[in-house]
N, C-alpha and C. Protein backbone atom coordinates (compact mmCIF):
# COMPACT_ATOMS: atom_id res chain seq x y z
N MET A 1 -1.91 -24.60 49.82
CA MET A 1 -0.59 -24.20 49.40
C MET A 1 -0.48 -22.68 49.42
N GLN A 2 0.63 -22.19 49.88
CA GLN A 2 0.83 -20.76 50.01
C GLN A 2 1.40 -20.20 48.71
N LYS A 3 0.87 -19.05 48.25
CA LYS A 3 1.36 -18.41 47.03
C LYS A 3 2.65 -17.67 47.33
N PRO A 4 3.62 -17.72 46.38
CA PRO A 4 4.85 -16.95 46.59
C PRO A 4 4.55 -15.47 46.51
N VAL A 5 5.29 -14.67 47.27
CA VAL A 5 5.07 -13.24 47.33
C VAL A 5 6.38 -12.54 47.05
N MET A 6 6.29 -11.48 46.20
CA MET A 6 7.47 -10.67 45.92
C MET A 6 7.29 -9.34 46.64
N ALA A 7 8.33 -8.86 47.28
CA ALA A 7 8.27 -7.58 47.98
C ALA A 7 8.85 -6.50 47.10
N VAL A 8 8.17 -5.36 47.05
CA VAL A 8 8.66 -4.22 46.30
C VAL A 8 8.98 -3.14 47.31
N THR A 9 10.19 -2.67 47.28
CA THR A 9 10.59 -1.64 48.23
C THR A 9 11.04 -0.41 47.48
N GLY A 10 11.06 0.68 48.16
CA GLY A 10 11.48 1.94 47.56
C GLY A 10 12.88 2.28 47.94
N ASP A 11 13.83 1.47 47.63
CA ASP A 11 15.25 1.66 47.92
C ASP A 11 15.52 1.60 49.41
N GLU A 12 16.33 2.49 49.90
CA GLU A 12 16.72 2.45 51.31
C GLU A 12 15.65 3.01 52.23
N THR A 13 14.70 3.74 51.69
CA THR A 13 13.69 4.37 52.53
C THR A 13 12.78 3.33 53.18
N ALA A 14 12.66 2.13 52.58
CA ALA A 14 11.82 1.09 53.15
C ALA A 14 12.42 0.59 54.46
N ALA A 15 13.72 0.58 54.53
CA ALA A 15 14.36 0.12 55.75
C ALA A 15 14.18 1.13 56.89
N THR A 16 14.09 2.38 56.54
CA THR A 16 13.95 3.40 57.58
C THR A 16 12.51 3.59 58.00
N GLY A 17 11.57 3.09 57.21
CA GLY A 17 10.17 3.19 57.58
C GLY A 17 9.48 4.39 56.98
N ASP A 18 10.19 5.18 56.15
CA ASP A 18 9.56 6.35 55.53
C ASP A 18 8.54 5.94 54.47
N MET A 19 8.79 4.84 53.81
CA MET A 19 7.91 4.40 52.73
C MET A 19 7.42 3.01 53.05
N PRO A 20 6.12 2.77 52.95
CA PRO A 20 5.61 1.43 53.28
C PRO A 20 6.05 0.41 52.23
N THR A 21 6.18 -0.81 52.61
CA THR A 21 6.55 -1.89 51.72
C THR A 21 5.28 -2.52 51.18
N TYR A 22 5.21 -2.66 49.86
CA TYR A 22 4.05 -3.26 49.22
C TYR A 22 4.38 -4.67 48.80
N GLN A 23 3.42 -5.53 48.92
CA GLN A 23 3.64 -6.91 48.50
C GLN A 23 2.74 -7.21 47.30
N ILE A 24 3.36 -7.73 46.25
CA ILE A 24 2.64 -8.07 45.02
C ILE A 24 2.71 -9.58 44.86
N PRO A 25 1.56 -10.23 44.76
CA PRO A 25 1.60 -11.68 44.59
C PRO A 25 2.20 -12.05 43.24
N ALA A 26 2.98 -13.11 43.22
CA ALA A 26 3.60 -13.58 41.98
C ALA A 26 2.53 -14.08 41.03
N PRO A 27 2.70 -13.88 39.72
CA PRO A 27 1.70 -14.35 38.76
C PRO A 27 1.59 -15.88 38.81
N THR A 28 0.36 -16.33 38.80
CA THR A 28 0.15 -17.78 38.91
C THR A 28 -0.73 -18.28 37.77
N THR A 29 -0.40 -17.89 36.56
CA THR A 29 -1.16 -18.39 35.42
C THR A 29 -0.61 -19.75 35.06
N ALA A 30 -1.44 -20.72 35.20
CA ALA A 30 -1.02 -22.08 34.88
C ALA A 30 -1.79 -22.55 33.66
N LEU A 31 -1.09 -22.63 32.53
CA LEU A 31 -1.70 -23.13 31.31
C LEU A 31 -1.43 -24.61 31.20
N PRO A 32 -2.34 -25.37 30.64
CA PRO A 32 -2.07 -26.79 30.43
C PRO A 32 -0.85 -26.98 29.54
N GLN A 33 -0.21 -28.12 29.65
CA GLN A 33 0.98 -28.42 28.85
C GLN A 33 0.69 -28.25 27.37
N GLY A 34 1.57 -27.57 26.63
CA GLY A 34 1.43 -27.42 25.19
C GLY A 34 0.53 -26.28 24.75
N VAL A 35 -0.08 -25.56 25.69
CA VAL A 35 -0.96 -24.46 25.32
C VAL A 35 -0.17 -23.16 25.41
N VAL A 36 -0.23 -22.40 24.33
CA VAL A 36 0.47 -21.12 24.28
C VAL A 36 -0.56 -20.06 23.94
N MET A 37 -0.54 -18.96 24.69
CA MET A 37 -1.47 -17.87 24.38
C MET A 37 -0.89 -17.05 23.25
N ALA A 38 -1.60 -16.99 22.11
CA ALA A 38 -1.13 -16.25 20.95
C ALA A 38 -1.62 -14.81 20.98
N ALA A 39 -2.77 -14.58 21.55
CA ALA A 39 -3.33 -13.22 21.57
C ALA A 39 -4.11 -13.04 22.85
N SER A 40 -4.34 -11.78 23.18
CA SER A 40 -5.13 -11.53 24.37
C SER A 40 -6.58 -11.89 24.11
N PRO A 41 -7.33 -12.28 25.13
CA PRO A 41 -8.71 -12.71 24.93
C PRO A 41 -9.58 -11.63 24.30
N GLY A 42 -9.27 -10.35 24.50
CA GLY A 42 -10.06 -9.28 23.92
C GLY A 42 -9.90 -9.14 22.41
N SER A 43 -8.83 -9.71 21.84
CA SER A 43 -8.59 -9.55 20.41
C SER A 43 -9.15 -10.71 19.59
N LEU A 44 -9.75 -11.69 20.22
CA LEU A 44 -10.33 -12.80 19.47
C LEU A 44 -11.63 -12.34 18.82
N HIS A 45 -11.86 -12.81 17.61
CA HIS A 45 -13.04 -12.39 16.86
C HIS A 45 -13.95 -13.58 16.61
N SER A 46 -15.21 -13.30 16.54
CA SER A 46 -16.17 -14.34 16.22
C SER A 46 -16.14 -14.57 14.71
N PRO A 47 -16.65 -15.70 14.25
CA PRO A 47 -16.68 -15.97 12.81
C PRO A 47 -17.42 -14.88 12.03
N GLN A 48 -18.47 -14.32 12.64
CA GLN A 48 -19.22 -13.26 11.96
C GLN A 48 -18.35 -12.01 11.80
N GLN A 49 -17.58 -11.68 12.83
CA GLN A 49 -16.69 -10.52 12.74
C GLN A 49 -15.61 -10.74 11.69
N LEU A 50 -15.09 -11.96 11.64
CA LEU A 50 -14.08 -12.27 10.63
C LEU A 50 -14.65 -12.16 9.23
N ALA A 51 -15.88 -12.63 9.03
CA ALA A 51 -16.54 -12.55 7.72
C ALA A 51 -16.78 -11.09 7.35
N GLU A 52 -17.23 -10.27 8.31
CA GLU A 52 -17.45 -8.85 8.04
C GLU A 52 -16.15 -8.15 7.69
N GLU A 53 -15.08 -8.50 8.39
CA GLU A 53 -13.77 -7.91 8.12
C GLU A 53 -13.30 -8.30 6.71
N ALA A 54 -13.48 -9.55 6.34
CA ALA A 54 -13.10 -10.00 5.00
C ALA A 54 -13.92 -9.29 3.93
N THR A 55 -15.21 -9.12 4.18
CA THR A 55 -16.08 -8.41 3.24
C THR A 55 -15.65 -6.96 3.11
N ARG A 56 -15.34 -6.32 4.22
CA ARG A 56 -14.91 -4.92 4.20
C ARG A 56 -13.59 -4.77 3.43
N LYS A 57 -12.65 -5.68 3.68
CA LYS A 57 -11.37 -5.63 2.97
C LYS A 57 -11.57 -5.85 1.48
N ARG A 58 -12.46 -6.78 1.11
CA ARG A 58 -12.72 -7.06 -0.31
C ARG A 58 -13.33 -5.84 -1.00
N GLU A 59 -14.30 -5.21 -0.33
CA GLU A 59 -14.93 -4.02 -0.90
C GLU A 59 -13.93 -2.89 -1.06
N LEU A 60 -13.05 -2.72 -0.08
CA LEU A 60 -12.02 -1.70 -0.16
C LEU A 60 -11.07 -1.98 -1.32
N ARG A 61 -10.67 -3.24 -1.47
CA ARG A 61 -9.78 -3.64 -2.56
C ARG A 61 -10.44 -3.40 -3.91
N LEU A 62 -11.73 -3.77 -4.03
CA LEU A 62 -12.46 -3.56 -5.29
C LEU A 62 -12.58 -2.07 -5.61
N MET A 63 -12.84 -1.26 -4.59
CA MET A 63 -12.97 0.18 -4.81
C MET A 63 -11.64 0.76 -5.30
N LYS A 64 -10.54 0.36 -4.65
CA LYS A 64 -9.23 0.85 -5.07
C LYS A 64 -8.92 0.39 -6.49
N ASN A 65 -9.30 -0.84 -6.81
CA ASN A 65 -9.06 -1.37 -8.15
C ASN A 65 -9.85 -0.58 -9.19
N ARG A 66 -11.11 -0.25 -8.88
CA ARG A 66 -11.92 0.55 -9.82
C ARG A 66 -11.28 1.90 -10.07
N GLU A 67 -10.80 2.54 -8.99
CA GLU A 67 -10.16 3.85 -9.14
C GLU A 67 -8.88 3.73 -9.98
N ALA A 68 -8.10 2.69 -9.73
CA ALA A 68 -6.87 2.49 -10.50
C ALA A 68 -7.18 2.24 -11.97
N ALA A 69 -8.22 1.45 -12.25
CA ALA A 69 -8.61 1.17 -13.63
C ALA A 69 -9.09 2.45 -14.32
N LYS A 70 -9.84 3.26 -13.60
CA LYS A 70 -10.34 4.53 -14.15
C LYS A 70 -9.15 5.43 -14.51
N GLU A 71 -8.20 5.53 -13.62
CA GLU A 71 -7.00 6.35 -13.86
C GLU A 71 -6.20 5.79 -15.04
N CYS A 72 -6.09 4.48 -15.13
CA CYS A 72 -5.36 3.84 -16.23
C CYS A 72 -6.02 4.16 -17.57
N ARG A 73 -7.36 4.07 -17.62
CA ARG A 73 -8.08 4.40 -18.86
C ARG A 73 -7.89 5.86 -19.24
N ARG A 74 -7.89 6.75 -18.24
CA ARG A 74 -7.68 8.17 -18.52
C ARG A 74 -6.29 8.42 -19.11
N ARG A 75 -5.27 7.80 -18.50
CA ARG A 75 -3.91 7.97 -19.02
C ARG A 75 -3.76 7.39 -20.42
N LYS A 76 -4.41 6.24 -20.68
CA LYS A 76 -4.33 5.63 -21.99
C LYS A 76 -4.97 6.53 -23.04
N LYS A 77 -6.12 7.11 -22.70
CA LYS A 77 -6.81 8.02 -23.62
C LYS A 77 -5.93 9.23 -23.93
N GLU A 78 -5.28 9.77 -22.91
CA GLU A 78 -4.38 10.91 -23.10
C GLU A 78 -3.20 10.51 -23.98
N TYR A 79 -2.66 9.32 -23.76
CA TYR A 79 -1.53 8.82 -24.55
C TYR A 79 -1.92 8.66 -26.02
N VAL A 80 -3.11 8.11 -26.27
CA VAL A 80 -3.58 7.90 -27.64
C VAL A 80 -3.78 9.26 -28.33
N LYS A 81 -4.34 10.23 -27.62
CA LYS A 81 -4.51 11.57 -28.19
C LYS A 81 -3.17 12.18 -28.56
N CYS A 82 -2.19 11.99 -27.71
CA CYS A 82 -0.85 12.51 -27.97
C CYS A 82 -0.27 11.84 -29.23
N LEU A 83 -0.45 10.54 -29.34
CA LEU A 83 0.05 9.82 -30.51
C LEU A 83 -0.66 10.29 -31.78
N GLU A 84 -1.98 10.48 -31.71
CA GLU A 84 -2.73 10.94 -32.88
C GLU A 84 -2.26 12.32 -33.31
N SER A 85 -2.00 13.17 -32.34
CA SER A 85 -1.50 14.51 -32.65
C SER A 85 -0.13 14.42 -33.33
N ARG A 86 0.71 13.57 -32.81
CA ARG A 86 2.05 13.39 -33.40
C ARG A 86 1.95 12.84 -34.82
N VAL A 87 1.04 11.90 -35.05
CA VAL A 87 0.83 11.35 -36.39
C VAL A 87 0.43 12.46 -37.35
N ALA A 88 -0.49 13.33 -36.92
CA ALA A 88 -0.95 14.42 -37.78
C ALA A 88 0.22 15.34 -38.14
N VAL A 89 1.04 15.69 -37.16
CA VAL A 89 2.20 16.56 -37.42
C VAL A 89 3.16 15.88 -38.38
N LEU A 90 3.45 14.62 -38.17
CA LEU A 90 4.39 13.89 -39.03
C LEU A 90 3.84 13.73 -40.45
N GLU A 91 2.53 13.56 -40.59
CA GLU A 91 1.94 13.45 -41.93
C GLU A 91 2.11 14.76 -42.70
N VAL A 92 1.88 15.88 -42.01
CA VAL A 92 2.07 17.18 -42.65
C VAL A 92 3.53 17.35 -43.04
N GLN A 93 4.43 17.01 -42.14
CA GLN A 93 5.87 17.13 -42.40
C GLN A 93 6.26 16.23 -43.58
N ASN A 94 5.75 15.02 -43.61
CA ASN A 94 6.06 14.09 -44.70
C ASN A 94 5.56 14.64 -46.04
N LYS A 95 4.36 15.20 -46.05
CA LYS A 95 3.80 15.77 -47.29
C LYS A 95 4.69 16.91 -47.79
N LYS A 96 5.14 17.78 -46.87
CA LYS A 96 6.01 18.89 -47.26
C LYS A 96 7.33 18.36 -47.82
N LEU A 97 7.89 17.34 -47.20
CA LEU A 97 9.16 16.79 -47.67
C LEU A 97 9.01 16.14 -49.06
N ILE A 98 7.88 15.48 -49.28
CA ILE A 98 7.63 14.88 -50.59
C ILE A 98 7.54 15.97 -51.66
N GLU A 99 6.83 17.04 -51.34
CA GLU A 99 6.72 18.16 -52.29
C GLU A 99 8.09 18.77 -52.56
N GLU A 100 8.90 18.93 -51.50
CA GLU A 100 10.25 19.49 -51.67
C GLU A 100 11.11 18.57 -52.54
N LEU A 101 10.98 17.27 -52.33
CA LEU A 101 11.73 16.31 -53.13
C LEU A 101 11.34 16.41 -54.60
N GLU A 102 10.05 16.49 -54.86
CA GLU A 102 9.58 16.62 -56.25
C GLU A 102 10.12 17.90 -56.89
N THR A 103 10.13 18.99 -56.13
CA THR A 103 10.65 20.25 -56.64
C THR A 103 12.13 20.13 -56.97
N LEU A 104 12.89 19.51 -56.06
CA LEU A 104 14.33 19.34 -56.31
C LEU A 104 14.60 18.41 -57.49
N LYS A 105 13.79 17.40 -57.65
CA LYS A 105 13.93 16.48 -58.79
C LYS A 105 13.72 17.25 -60.10
N ASP A 106 12.71 18.10 -60.10
CA ASP A 106 12.42 18.89 -61.30
C ASP A 106 13.59 19.83 -61.62
N ILE A 107 14.17 20.42 -60.60
CA ILE A 107 15.27 21.36 -60.80
C ILE A 107 16.52 20.63 -61.29
N CYS A 108 16.83 19.49 -60.69
CA CYS A 108 18.08 18.77 -60.98
C CYS A 108 18.00 17.85 -62.18
N SER A 109 16.87 17.47 -62.59
CA SER A 109 16.79 16.50 -63.70
C SER A 109 17.14 17.19 -65.02
N PRO A 110 17.82 16.43 -65.89
CA PRO A 110 18.17 17.02 -67.19
C PRO A 110 16.90 17.29 -68.00
N LYS A 111 16.87 18.44 -68.55
CA LYS A 111 15.69 18.82 -69.30
C LYS A 111 15.87 18.37 -70.74
N ALA A 112 14.86 17.74 -71.20
CA ALA A 112 14.88 17.29 -72.58
C ALA A 112 14.28 18.38 -73.44
N ASP A 113 15.14 19.06 -74.25
CA ASP A 113 14.64 20.15 -75.09
C ASP A 113 14.26 19.66 -76.44
């Protein structure tokens, strides 16, 4: 059986003979019925390569998770320090207000002579 051939020409110059005409054979990939190529043959991986890729991805994920956890703990520690500092300031302020209240009570209360 003869293969079909497609001719490629360079516009009008092929007719004048200035440019040679090249012939490219038509693609003749015949796949069995129902078979579809999903990827090129070079991109297929062996089970060992797939396992190594999964292990590498898992290690990368675990490393990122450790870094995120470390950063989270650092932020939490900073937040707690900020809260403790605020508590200390508010306790001092509360003590001063209590003392001021006691002073005002003494001034305003009727004195028993």
